[in-house]
């Protein structure tokens, strides 16, 4: 939960205190860039079937908090298959979607070949910080709930087909 010193408003997120840097627990003011990122998240997810209307603000605030305050965490890539685009001949396709964060992305669990959908909120080079968009994820030694962060190497991620359908719907409504 984040708290504004100025308004005393508490903002619920999926991030636990131990996941956040010290700056998150002290007074911090929002920048214009933070409001723009929040708006980008809302624009991306409001026409998606992945998020219910009651989860919209929750995931948007979690995404902003993760981008600003999330402590570096160990990538959990070994649980997931390599994405089809991670082959050397497809490197240009990989770099295109990585520049468009926030974005819906998908990966596949090695153990059972189950696809999972994530919200990519940031990254640095080879690693992407994502939020889980499934109700829960249980892997050996790892249990996550909706909205909690997961760090994955970008060669395990690909743009989500569901997101593409949502984008087309959004574009049709505003065309």
N, C-alpha and C. Protein backbone atom coordinates (compact mmCIF):
# COMPACT_ATOMS: atom_id res chain seq x y z
N UNK A 1 0.84 -1.17 0.00
CA UNK A 1 0.00 0.00 0.00
C UNK A 1 0.89 1.24 0.00
N UNK A 2 0.61 2.18 -0.87
CA UNK A 2 1.34 3.43 -0.91
C UNK A 2 0.51 4.48 -0.20
N UNK A 3 1.17 5.49 0.32
CA UNK A 3 0.46 6.53 1.04
C UNK A 3 1.00 7.89 0.64
N UNK A 4 0.10 8.82 0.40
CA UNK A 4 0.49 10.18 0.09
C UNK A 4 0.54 10.99 1.38
N UNK A 5 1.68 11.60 1.69
CA UNK A 5 1.79 12.45 2.88
C UNK A 5 0.88 13.67 2.77
N UNK A 6 0.78 14.22 1.57
CA UNK A 6 0.01 15.45 1.37
C UNK A 6 -1.48 15.22 1.61
N UNK A 7 -2.03 14.14 1.09
CA UNK A 7 -3.48 13.91 1.18
C UNK A 7 -3.86 12.85 2.19
N UNK A 8 -2.87 12.12 2.71
CA UNK A 8 -3.09 10.99 3.62
C UNK A 8 -3.92 9.88 2.96
N UNK A 9 -3.97 9.89 1.64
CA UNK A 9 -4.70 8.87 0.89
C UNK A 9 -3.84 7.62 0.76
N UNK A 10 -4.42 6.50 1.10
CA UNK A 10 -3.72 5.23 0.96
C UNK A 10 -4.15 4.60 -0.36
N UNK A 11 -3.16 4.15 -1.11
CA UNK A 11 -3.41 3.56 -2.42
C UNK A 11 -2.99 2.10 -2.35
N UNK A 12 -3.95 1.22 -2.56
CA UNK A 12 -3.70 -0.22 -2.49
C UNK A 12 -3.01 -0.70 -3.76
N UNK A 13 -1.96 -1.49 -3.58
CA UNK A 13 -1.27 -2.13 -4.71
C UNK A 13 -1.02 -3.59 -4.35
N UNK A 14 -0.56 -4.36 -5.32
CA UNK A 14 -0.24 -5.76 -5.08
C UNK A 14 1.17 -5.95 -4.52
N UNK A 15 1.90 -4.87 -4.36
CA UNK A 15 3.30 -4.95 -3.92
C UNK A 15 3.39 -4.94 -2.40
N UNK A 16 4.15 -5.87 -1.86
CA UNK A 16 4.37 -5.94 -0.42
C UNK A 16 5.51 -5.00 -0.05
N UNK A 17 5.53 -4.54 1.18
CA UNK A 17 6.54 -3.60 1.65
C UNK A 17 7.96 -4.05 1.41
N UNK A 18 8.23 -5.34 1.58
CA UNK A 18 9.59 -5.84 1.39
C UNK A 18 10.03 -5.85 -0.08
N UNK A 19 9.08 -5.65 -1.00
CA UNK A 19 9.40 -5.59 -2.43
C UNK A 19 9.81 -4.18 -2.87
N UNK A 20 9.58 -3.20 -2.01
CA UNK A 20 9.75 -1.80 -2.39
C UNK A 20 11.02 -1.19 -1.81
N UNK A 21 11.60 -0.26 -2.55
CA UNK A 21 12.77 0.47 -2.06
C UNK A 21 12.35 1.43 -0.95
N UNK A 22 13.31 1.94 -0.22
CA UNK A 22 13.05 2.83 0.91
C UNK A 22 12.31 4.09 0.49
N UNK A 23 12.56 4.57 -0.71
CA UNK A 23 11.92 5.78 -1.21
C UNK A 23 10.39 5.65 -1.23
N UNK A 24 9.88 4.45 -1.46
CA UNK A 24 8.43 4.22 -1.51
C UNK A 24 7.80 4.44 -0.14
N UNK A 25 8.59 4.24 0.90
CA UNK A 25 8.07 4.35 2.26
C UNK A 25 8.23 5.74 2.84
N UNK A 26 8.88 6.62 2.11
CA UNK A 26 9.03 8.00 2.57
C UNK A 26 8.18 8.90 1.67
N UNK A 27 8.20 10.16 1.94
CA UNK A 27 7.41 11.10 1.14
C UNK A 27 7.95 11.17 -0.29
N UNK A 28 7.05 11.06 -1.22
CA UNK A 28 7.44 11.17 -2.61
C UNK A 28 6.29 11.81 -3.39
N UNK A 29 6.64 12.72 -4.24
CA UNK A 29 5.64 13.41 -5.04
C UNK A 29 5.55 12.77 -6.42
N UNK A 30 4.38 12.80 -6.97
CA UNK A 30 4.19 12.26 -8.32
C UNK A 30 4.67 13.28 -9.34
N UNK A 31 5.27 12.78 -10.37
CA UNK A 31 5.74 13.59 -11.48
C UNK A 31 4.74 13.45 -12.62
N UNK A 32 4.79 14.37 -13.57
CA UNK A 32 3.92 14.30 -14.73
C UNK A 32 4.10 12.97 -15.46
N UNK A 33 5.33 12.50 -15.54
CA UNK A 33 5.62 11.23 -16.20
C UNK A 33 4.87 10.07 -15.54
N UNK A 34 4.71 10.12 -14.20
CA UNK A 34 3.99 9.07 -13.49
C UNK A 34 2.51 9.07 -13.86
N UNK A 35 1.91 10.26 -13.97
CA UNK A 35 0.51 10.38 -14.37
C UNK A 35 0.32 9.90 -15.81
N UNK A 36 1.28 10.21 -16.67
CA UNK A 36 1.20 9.76 -18.06
C UNK A 36 1.29 8.23 -18.14
N UNK A 37 2.17 7.63 -17.36
CA UNK A 37 2.29 6.18 -17.35
C UNK A 37 1.00 5.54 -16.84
N UNK A 38 0.43 6.11 -15.78
CA UNK A 38 -0.85 5.63 -15.24
C UNK A 38 -1.92 5.68 -16.34
N UNK A 39 -1.98 6.77 -17.08
CA UNK A 39 -2.95 6.92 -18.16
C UNK A 39 -2.71 5.91 -19.27
N UNK A 40 -1.45 5.65 -19.59
CA UNK A 40 -1.13 4.64 -20.61
C UNK A 40 -1.63 3.26 -20.17
N UNK A 41 -1.45 2.94 -18.91
CA UNK A 41 -1.91 1.66 -18.39
C UNK A 41 -3.43 1.57 -18.51
N UNK A 42 -4.13 2.60 -18.06
CA UNK A 42 -5.59 2.61 -18.13
C UNK A 42 -6.05 2.47 -19.58
N UNK A 43 -5.45 3.24 -20.49
CA UNK A 43 -5.82 3.16 -21.90
C UNK A 43 -5.60 1.76 -22.46
N UNK A 44 -4.54 1.11 -22.05
CA UNK A 44 -4.23 -0.22 -22.55
C UNK A 44 -5.19 -1.28 -22.03
N UNK A 45 -5.53 -1.20 -20.75
CA UNK A 45 -6.28 -2.30 -20.14
C UNK A 45 -7.79 -2.11 -20.10
N UNK A 46 -8.29 -0.90 -20.28
CA UNK A 46 -9.72 -0.72 -20.08
C UNK A 46 -10.58 -1.42 -21.12
N UNK A 47 -10.06 -1.73 -22.29
CA UNK A 47 -10.83 -2.44 -23.31
C UNK A 47 -10.41 -3.90 -23.41
N UNK A 48 -9.74 -4.38 -22.40
CA UNK A 48 -9.25 -5.75 -22.38
C UNK A 48 -10.20 -6.63 -21.58
N UNK A 49 -10.32 -7.88 -21.99
CA UNK A 49 -11.11 -8.83 -21.22
C UNK A 49 -10.31 -9.44 -20.07
N UNK A 50 -9.04 -9.09 -19.99
CA UNK A 50 -8.18 -9.66 -18.96
C UNK A 50 -8.41 -9.05 -17.59
N UNK A 51 -8.89 -7.82 -17.55
CA UNK A 51 -9.00 -7.06 -16.30
C UNK A 51 -10.46 -6.65 -16.11
N UNK A 52 -10.99 -6.92 -14.93
CA UNK A 52 -12.35 -6.47 -14.64
C UNK A 52 -12.32 -4.98 -14.30
N UNK A 53 -13.44 -4.29 -14.46
CA UNK A 53 -13.46 -2.86 -14.12
C UNK A 53 -13.02 -2.58 -12.68
N UNK A 54 -13.33 -3.49 -11.76
CA UNK A 54 -12.93 -3.27 -10.36
C UNK A 54 -11.41 -3.42 -10.16
N UNK A 55 -10.71 -4.06 -11.10
CA UNK A 55 -9.26 -4.25 -10.98
C UNK A 55 -8.47 -3.18 -11.72
N UNK A 56 -9.13 -2.34 -12.47
CA UNK A 56 -8.46 -1.38 -13.35
C UNK A 56 -7.51 -0.46 -12.60
N UNK A 57 -8.02 0.29 -11.62
CA UNK A 57 -7.16 1.22 -10.87
C UNK A 57 -6.09 0.47 -10.09
N UNK A 58 -6.47 -0.67 -9.51
CA UNK A 58 -5.54 -1.46 -8.71
C UNK A 58 -4.31 -1.85 -9.52
N UNK A 59 -4.52 -2.38 -10.72
CA UNK A 59 -3.37 -2.81 -11.53
C UNK A 59 -2.61 -1.60 -12.07
N UNK A 60 -3.30 -0.51 -12.37
CA UNK A 60 -2.62 0.70 -12.86
C UNK A 60 -1.73 1.30 -11.77
N UNK A 61 -2.23 1.40 -10.55
CA UNK A 61 -1.41 1.92 -9.45
C UNK A 61 -0.26 0.97 -9.14
N UNK A 62 -0.51 -0.34 -9.22
CA UNK A 62 0.55 -1.31 -8.99
C UNK A 62 1.65 -1.16 -10.04
N UNK A 63 1.24 -0.94 -11.29
CA UNK A 63 2.23 -0.77 -12.37
C UNK A 63 3.09 0.47 -12.14
N UNK A 64 2.47 1.57 -11.74
CA UNK A 64 3.24 2.79 -11.48
C UNK A 64 4.18 2.57 -10.29
N UNK A 65 3.68 1.95 -9.24
CA UNK A 65 4.52 1.69 -8.06
C UNK A 65 5.68 0.75 -8.41
N UNK A 66 5.41 -0.27 -9.21
CA UNK A 66 6.47 -1.21 -9.61
C UNK A 66 7.53 -0.49 -10.43
N UNK A 67 7.10 0.35 -11.32
CA UNK A 67 8.05 1.09 -12.17
C UNK A 67 8.94 2.02 -11.35
N UNK A 68 8.37 2.62 -10.31
CA UNK A 68 9.10 3.60 -9.52
C UNK A 68 9.87 3.00 -8.34
N UNK A 69 9.30 2.01 -7.68
CA UNK A 69 9.81 1.60 -6.37
C UNK A 69 10.20 0.14 -6.21
N UNK A 70 9.97 -0.68 -7.21
CA UNK A 70 10.24 -2.11 -7.07
C UNK A 70 11.74 -2.36 -6.91
N UNK A 71 12.10 -3.08 -5.86
CA UNK A 71 13.49 -3.49 -5.69
C UNK A 71 13.84 -4.51 -6.77
N UNK A 72 15.08 -4.52 -7.22
CA UNK A 72 15.47 -5.54 -8.21
C UNK A 72 15.23 -6.94 -7.64
N UNK A 73 14.63 -7.78 -8.44
CA UNK A 73 14.39 -9.15 -8.02
C UNK A 73 15.05 -10.10 -9.02
N UNK A 74 15.32 -11.29 -8.56
CA UNK A 74 15.96 -12.30 -9.40
C UNK A 74 15.02 -12.70 -10.53
N UNK A 75 15.48 -12.65 -11.78
CA UNK A 75 14.63 -13.14 -12.88
C UNK A 75 14.25 -14.60 -12.66
N UNK A 76 13.04 -14.95 -13.01
CA UNK A 76 12.52 -16.31 -12.83
C UNK A 76 12.37 -17.02 -14.17
N UNK A 77 13.25 -16.75 -15.09
CA UNK A 77 13.13 -17.22 -16.47
C UNK A 77 13.20 -18.74 -16.61
N UNK A 78 13.87 -19.43 -15.71
CA UNK A 78 14.04 -20.87 -15.87
C UNK A 78 12.72 -21.62 -15.84
N UNK A 79 11.64 -21.01 -15.33
CA UNK A 79 10.34 -21.66 -15.30
C UNK A 79 9.64 -21.62 -16.66
N UNK A 80 10.15 -20.82 -17.60
CA UNK A 80 9.41 -20.53 -18.82
C UNK A 80 10.18 -20.92 -20.08
N UNK A 81 9.43 -21.27 -21.11
CA UNK A 81 9.98 -21.64 -22.41
C UNK A 81 10.54 -20.41 -23.13
N UNK A 82 11.50 -20.65 -24.03
CA UNK A 82 11.96 -19.58 -24.91
C UNK A 82 10.81 -19.20 -25.84
N UNK A 83 10.66 -17.93 -26.10
CA UNK A 83 9.61 -17.45 -27.01
C UNK A 83 10.05 -17.70 -28.45
N UNK A 84 9.10 -17.91 -29.35
CA UNK A 84 9.45 -18.16 -30.76
C UNK A 84 10.31 -17.06 -31.38
N UNK A 85 10.10 -15.81 -30.97
CA UNK A 85 10.87 -14.69 -31.55
C UNK A 85 12.30 -14.62 -31.05
N UNK A 86 12.68 -15.45 -30.07
CA UNK A 86 14.01 -15.33 -29.48
C UNK A 86 15.11 -15.96 -30.34
N UNK A 87 14.73 -16.55 -31.45
CA UNK A 87 15.74 -17.08 -32.37
C UNK A 87 16.47 -15.92 -33.05
N UNK A 88 17.77 -16.06 -33.34
CA UNK A 88 18.57 -14.95 -33.89
C UNK A 88 17.98 -14.29 -35.13
N UNK A 89 17.33 -15.05 -36.03
CA UNK A 89 16.82 -14.45 -37.25
C UNK A 89 15.64 -13.52 -36.98
N UNK A 90 15.05 -13.56 -35.79
CA UNK A 90 13.88 -12.74 -35.48
C UNK A 90 14.18 -11.61 -34.50
N UNK A 91 15.40 -11.23 -34.34
CA UNK A 91 15.77 -10.23 -33.34
C UNK A 91 15.11 -8.87 -33.58
N UNK A 92 14.88 -8.46 -34.82
CA UNK A 92 14.27 -7.15 -35.07
C UNK A 92 12.83 -7.12 -34.57
N UNK A 93 12.09 -8.20 -34.72
CA UNK A 93 10.71 -8.26 -34.22
C UNK A 93 10.70 -8.15 -32.70
N UNK A 94 11.69 -8.74 -32.06
CA UNK A 94 11.78 -8.69 -30.60
C UNK A 94 11.95 -7.26 -30.12
N UNK A 95 12.83 -6.52 -30.74
CA UNK A 95 13.11 -5.18 -30.25
C UNK A 95 11.95 -4.22 -30.47
N UNK A 96 11.11 -4.45 -31.48
CA UNK A 96 9.98 -3.56 -31.74
C UNK A 96 9.02 -3.51 -30.57
N UNK A 97 8.52 -4.65 -30.13
CA UNK A 97 7.51 -4.64 -29.07
C UNK A 97 8.09 -4.27 -27.72
N UNK A 98 9.37 -4.50 -27.50
CA UNK A 98 9.98 -4.14 -26.22
C UNK A 98 10.02 -2.62 -26.00
N UNK A 99 9.95 -1.86 -27.06
CA UNK A 99 9.96 -0.40 -26.94
C UNK A 99 8.59 0.17 -26.62
N UNK A 100 7.55 -0.66 -26.65
CA UNK A 100 6.18 -0.19 -26.46
C UNK A 100 5.62 -0.58 -25.10
N UNK A 101 6.34 -0.30 -24.04
CA UNK A 101 5.82 -0.61 -22.70
C UNK A 101 5.08 0.58 -22.16
N UNK A 102 3.97 0.36 -21.51
CA UNK A 102 3.43 -0.91 -21.04
C UNK A 102 2.85 -1.72 -22.19
N UNK A 103 2.85 -3.04 -22.00
CA UNK A 103 2.32 -3.93 -23.03
C UNK A 103 1.88 -5.24 -22.42
N UNK A 104 0.88 -5.85 -23.03
CA UNK A 104 0.50 -7.21 -22.66
C UNK A 104 1.51 -8.15 -23.29
N UNK A 105 2.03 -9.08 -22.50
CA UNK A 105 2.96 -10.09 -23.01
C UNK A 105 2.53 -11.46 -22.51
N UNK A 106 3.08 -12.46 -23.14
CA UNK A 106 2.72 -13.82 -22.79
C UNK A 106 3.98 -14.67 -22.72
N UNK A 107 3.95 -15.68 -21.86
CA UNK A 107 5.01 -16.67 -21.78
C UNK A 107 4.37 -18.02 -21.52
N UNK A 108 5.14 -19.08 -21.64
CA UNK A 108 4.62 -20.43 -21.46
C UNK A 108 5.41 -21.13 -20.36
N UNK A 109 4.70 -21.73 -19.43
CA UNK A 109 5.34 -22.47 -18.34
C UNK A 109 5.91 -23.77 -18.89
N UNK A 110 7.19 -24.03 -18.64
CA UNK A 110 7.85 -25.25 -19.13
C UNK A 110 7.18 -26.52 -18.61
N UNK A 111 6.86 -26.51 -17.34
CA UNK A 111 6.37 -27.70 -16.65
C UNK A 111 5.09 -28.27 -17.27
N UNK A 112 4.14 -27.39 -17.66
CA UNK A 112 2.85 -27.88 -18.15
C UNK A 112 2.40 -27.25 -19.47
N UNK A 113 3.26 -26.45 -20.09
CA UNK A 113 2.97 -25.78 -21.37
C UNK A 113 1.78 -24.82 -21.29
N UNK A 114 1.45 -24.37 -20.09
CA UNK A 114 0.35 -23.44 -19.90
C UNK A 114 0.82 -22.01 -20.20
N UNK A 115 0.09 -21.29 -21.08
CA UNK A 115 0.45 -19.90 -21.32
C UNK A 115 -0.05 -19.01 -20.18
N UNK A 116 0.71 -17.98 -19.85
CA UNK A 116 0.25 -17.00 -18.87
C UNK A 116 0.42 -15.61 -19.47
N UNK A 117 -0.46 -14.72 -19.07
CA UNK A 117 -0.44 -13.35 -19.57
C UNK A 117 0.07 -12.42 -18.48
N UNK A 118 0.92 -11.50 -18.89
CA UNK A 118 1.56 -10.55 -17.98
C UNK A 118 1.42 -9.14 -18.55
N UNK A 119 1.60 -8.16 -17.69
CA UNK A 119 1.68 -6.77 -18.12
C UNK A 119 3.12 -6.33 -17.95
N UNK A 120 3.81 -6.06 -19.07
CA UNK A 120 5.19 -5.58 -19.01
C UNK A 120 5.16 -4.10 -18.66
N UNK A 121 5.86 -3.73 -17.59
CA UNK A 121 5.83 -2.34 -17.14
C UNK A 121 7.18 -1.64 -17.23
N UNK A 122 8.23 -2.38 -17.51
CA UNK A 122 9.55 -1.75 -17.62
C UNK A 122 10.61 -2.81 -17.80
N UNK A 123 11.79 -2.36 -18.06
CA UNK A 123 12.87 -3.30 -18.23
C UNK A 123 14.19 -2.59 -18.41
N UNK A 124 15.22 -3.38 -18.34
CA UNK A 124 16.56 -2.83 -18.56
C UNK A 124 17.37 -3.85 -19.34
N UNK A 125 17.50 -3.62 -20.61
CA UNK A 125 18.28 -4.53 -21.44
C UNK A 125 17.58 -5.84 -21.70
N UNK A 126 18.10 -6.90 -21.08
CA UNK A 126 17.60 -8.25 -21.35
C UNK A 126 16.45 -8.68 -20.43
N UNK A 127 16.12 -7.88 -19.43
CA UNK A 127 15.15 -8.29 -18.41
C UNK A 127 13.94 -7.35 -18.43
N UNK A 128 12.75 -7.94 -18.25
CA UNK A 128 11.51 -7.16 -18.26
C UNK A 128 10.80 -7.36 -16.93
N UNK A 129 10.36 -6.28 -16.30
CA UNK A 129 9.54 -6.34 -15.09
C UNK A 129 8.09 -6.43 -15.52
N UNK A 130 7.41 -7.45 -15.03
CA UNK A 130 6.02 -7.71 -15.43
C UNK A 130 5.15 -7.85 -14.19
N UNK A 131 3.84 -7.67 -14.39
CA UNK A 131 2.85 -7.95 -13.36
C UNK A 131 1.98 -9.11 -13.83
N UNK A 132 1.70 -10.03 -12.94
CA UNK A 132 0.90 -11.20 -13.26
C UNK A 132 -0.55 -10.79 -13.48
N UNK A 133 -1.14 -11.21 -14.60
CA UNK A 133 -2.55 -10.91 -14.88
C UNK A 133 -3.44 -12.14 -14.72
N UNK A 134 -2.89 -13.21 -14.23
CA UNK A 134 -3.66 -14.42 -13.90
C UNK A 134 -4.07 -14.32 -12.43
N UNK A 135 -5.09 -15.06 -12.03
CA UNK A 135 -5.53 -15.04 -10.63
C UNK A 135 -4.41 -15.45 -9.69
N UNK A 136 -3.66 -16.48 -10.08
CA UNK A 136 -2.51 -16.92 -9.29
C UNK A 136 -1.57 -17.74 -10.16
N UNK A 137 -0.36 -17.88 -9.67
CA UNK A 137 0.66 -18.67 -10.36
C UNK A 137 1.45 -19.41 -9.29
N UNK A 138 1.46 -20.74 -9.40
CA UNK A 138 2.20 -21.56 -8.45
C UNK A 138 3.22 -22.40 -9.20
N UNK A 139 4.47 -22.15 -8.88
CA UNK A 139 5.60 -22.91 -9.43
C UNK A 139 6.46 -23.34 -8.25
N UNK A 140 7.35 -24.30 -8.42
CA UNK A 140 8.19 -24.73 -7.30
C UNK A 140 8.93 -23.54 -6.67
N UNK A 141 8.65 -23.27 -5.40
CA UNK A 141 9.31 -22.20 -4.68
C UNK A 141 8.81 -20.80 -5.01
N UNK A 142 7.72 -20.70 -5.76
CA UNK A 142 7.21 -19.40 -6.17
C UNK A 142 5.68 -19.43 -6.19
N UNK A 143 5.07 -18.52 -5.46
CA UNK A 143 3.61 -18.40 -5.43
C UNK A 143 3.27 -16.92 -5.58
N UNK A 144 2.60 -16.60 -6.66
CA UNK A 144 2.22 -15.21 -6.93
C UNK A 144 0.71 -15.08 -7.08
N UNK A 145 0.19 -13.92 -6.72
CA UNK A 145 -1.22 -13.58 -6.89
C UNK A 145 -1.34 -12.50 -7.97
N UNK A 146 -2.55 -12.26 -8.41
CA UNK A 146 -2.83 -11.23 -9.41
C UNK A 146 -2.12 -9.92 -9.07
N UNK A 147 -1.42 -9.36 -10.05
CA UNK A 147 -0.79 -8.06 -9.90
C UNK A 147 0.61 -8.08 -9.31
N UNK A 148 1.06 -9.22 -8.80
CA UNK A 148 2.39 -9.25 -8.20
C UNK A 148 3.47 -9.30 -9.28
N UNK A 149 4.65 -8.78 -8.96
CA UNK A 149 5.71 -8.66 -9.97
C UNK A 149 6.47 -9.95 -10.23
N UNK A 150 6.95 -10.03 -11.46
CA UNK A 150 7.74 -11.15 -11.92
C UNK A 150 8.75 -10.58 -12.90
N UNK A 151 10.00 -10.94 -12.75
CA UNK A 151 11.05 -10.46 -13.65
C UNK A 151 11.48 -11.62 -14.53
N UNK A 152 11.43 -11.38 -15.86
CA UNK A 152 11.70 -12.45 -16.82
C UNK A 152 12.61 -11.92 -17.93
N UNK A 153 13.53 -12.76 -18.39
CA UNK A 153 14.35 -12.38 -19.54
C UNK A 153 13.44 -12.21 -20.75
N UNK A 154 13.72 -11.19 -21.56
CA UNK A 154 12.84 -10.88 -22.69
C UNK A 154 12.80 -11.98 -23.74
N UNK A 155 13.76 -12.89 -23.76
CA UNK A 155 13.72 -13.97 -24.74
C UNK A 155 12.69 -15.05 -24.37
N UNK A 156 12.00 -14.89 -23.24
CA UNK A 156 10.94 -15.81 -22.84
C UNK A 156 9.56 -15.20 -23.07
N UNK A 157 9.52 -13.95 -23.51
CA UNK A 157 8.26 -13.21 -23.66
C UNK A 157 7.94 -12.94 -25.11
N UNK A 158 6.65 -12.83 -25.40
CA UNK A 158 6.20 -12.40 -26.72
C UNK A 158 4.94 -11.56 -26.53
N UNK A 159 4.63 -10.69 -27.48
CA UNK A 159 3.40 -9.90 -27.37
C UNK A 159 2.20 -10.84 -27.27
N UNK A 160 1.23 -10.45 -26.48
CA UNK A 160 0.06 -11.29 -26.28
C UNK A 160 -0.94 -11.10 -27.41
N UNK A 161 -1.45 -12.20 -27.96
CA UNK A 161 -2.45 -12.15 -29.02
C UNK A 161 -3.74 -11.49 -28.51
N UNK A 162 -4.05 -11.68 -27.24
CA UNK A 162 -5.24 -11.08 -26.64
C UNK A 162 -5.12 -9.56 -26.68
N UNK A 163 -3.92 -9.07 -26.42
CA UNK A 163 -3.70 -7.63 -26.43
C UNK A 163 -3.92 -7.06 -27.82
N UNK A 164 -3.50 -7.78 -28.84
CA UNK A 164 -3.66 -7.30 -30.20
C UNK A 164 -5.15 -7.16 -30.52
N UNK A 165 -5.97 -8.12 -30.10
CA UNK A 165 -7.41 -8.03 -30.32
C UNK A 165 -7.99 -6.83 -29.59
N UNK A 166 -7.55 -6.57 -28.36
CA UNK A 166 -8.04 -5.43 -27.60
C UNK A 166 -7.66 -4.12 -28.25
N UNK A 167 -6.42 -4.04 -28.78
CA UNK A 167 -5.97 -2.83 -29.46
C UNK A 167 -6.83 -2.54 -30.68
N UNK A 168 -7.14 -3.58 -31.45
CA UNK A 168 -7.97 -3.40 -32.64
C UNK A 168 -9.35 -2.89 -32.26
N UNK A 169 -9.94 -3.44 -31.19
CA UNK A 169 -11.24 -2.98 -30.73
C UNK A 169 -11.17 -1.52 -30.32
N UNK A 170 -10.12 -1.16 -29.59
CA UNK A 170 -9.94 0.21 -29.13
C UNK A 170 -9.82 1.15 -30.33
N UNK A 171 -9.03 0.76 -31.33
CA UNK A 171 -8.85 1.59 -32.52
C UNK A 171 -10.15 1.72 -33.30
N UNK A 172 -10.95 0.66 -33.38
CA UNK A 172 -12.23 0.73 -34.09
C UNK A 172 -13.19 1.69 -33.41
N UNK A 173 -13.20 1.69 -32.08
CA UNK A 173 -14.12 2.56 -31.35
C UNK A 173 -13.76 4.04 -31.52
N UNK A 174 -12.48 4.33 -31.71
CA UNK A 174 -12.07 5.73 -31.80
C UNK A 174 -11.66 6.14 -33.20
N UNK A 175 -11.96 5.31 -34.19
CA UNK A 175 -11.62 5.64 -35.58
C UNK A 175 -12.66 6.57 -36.19
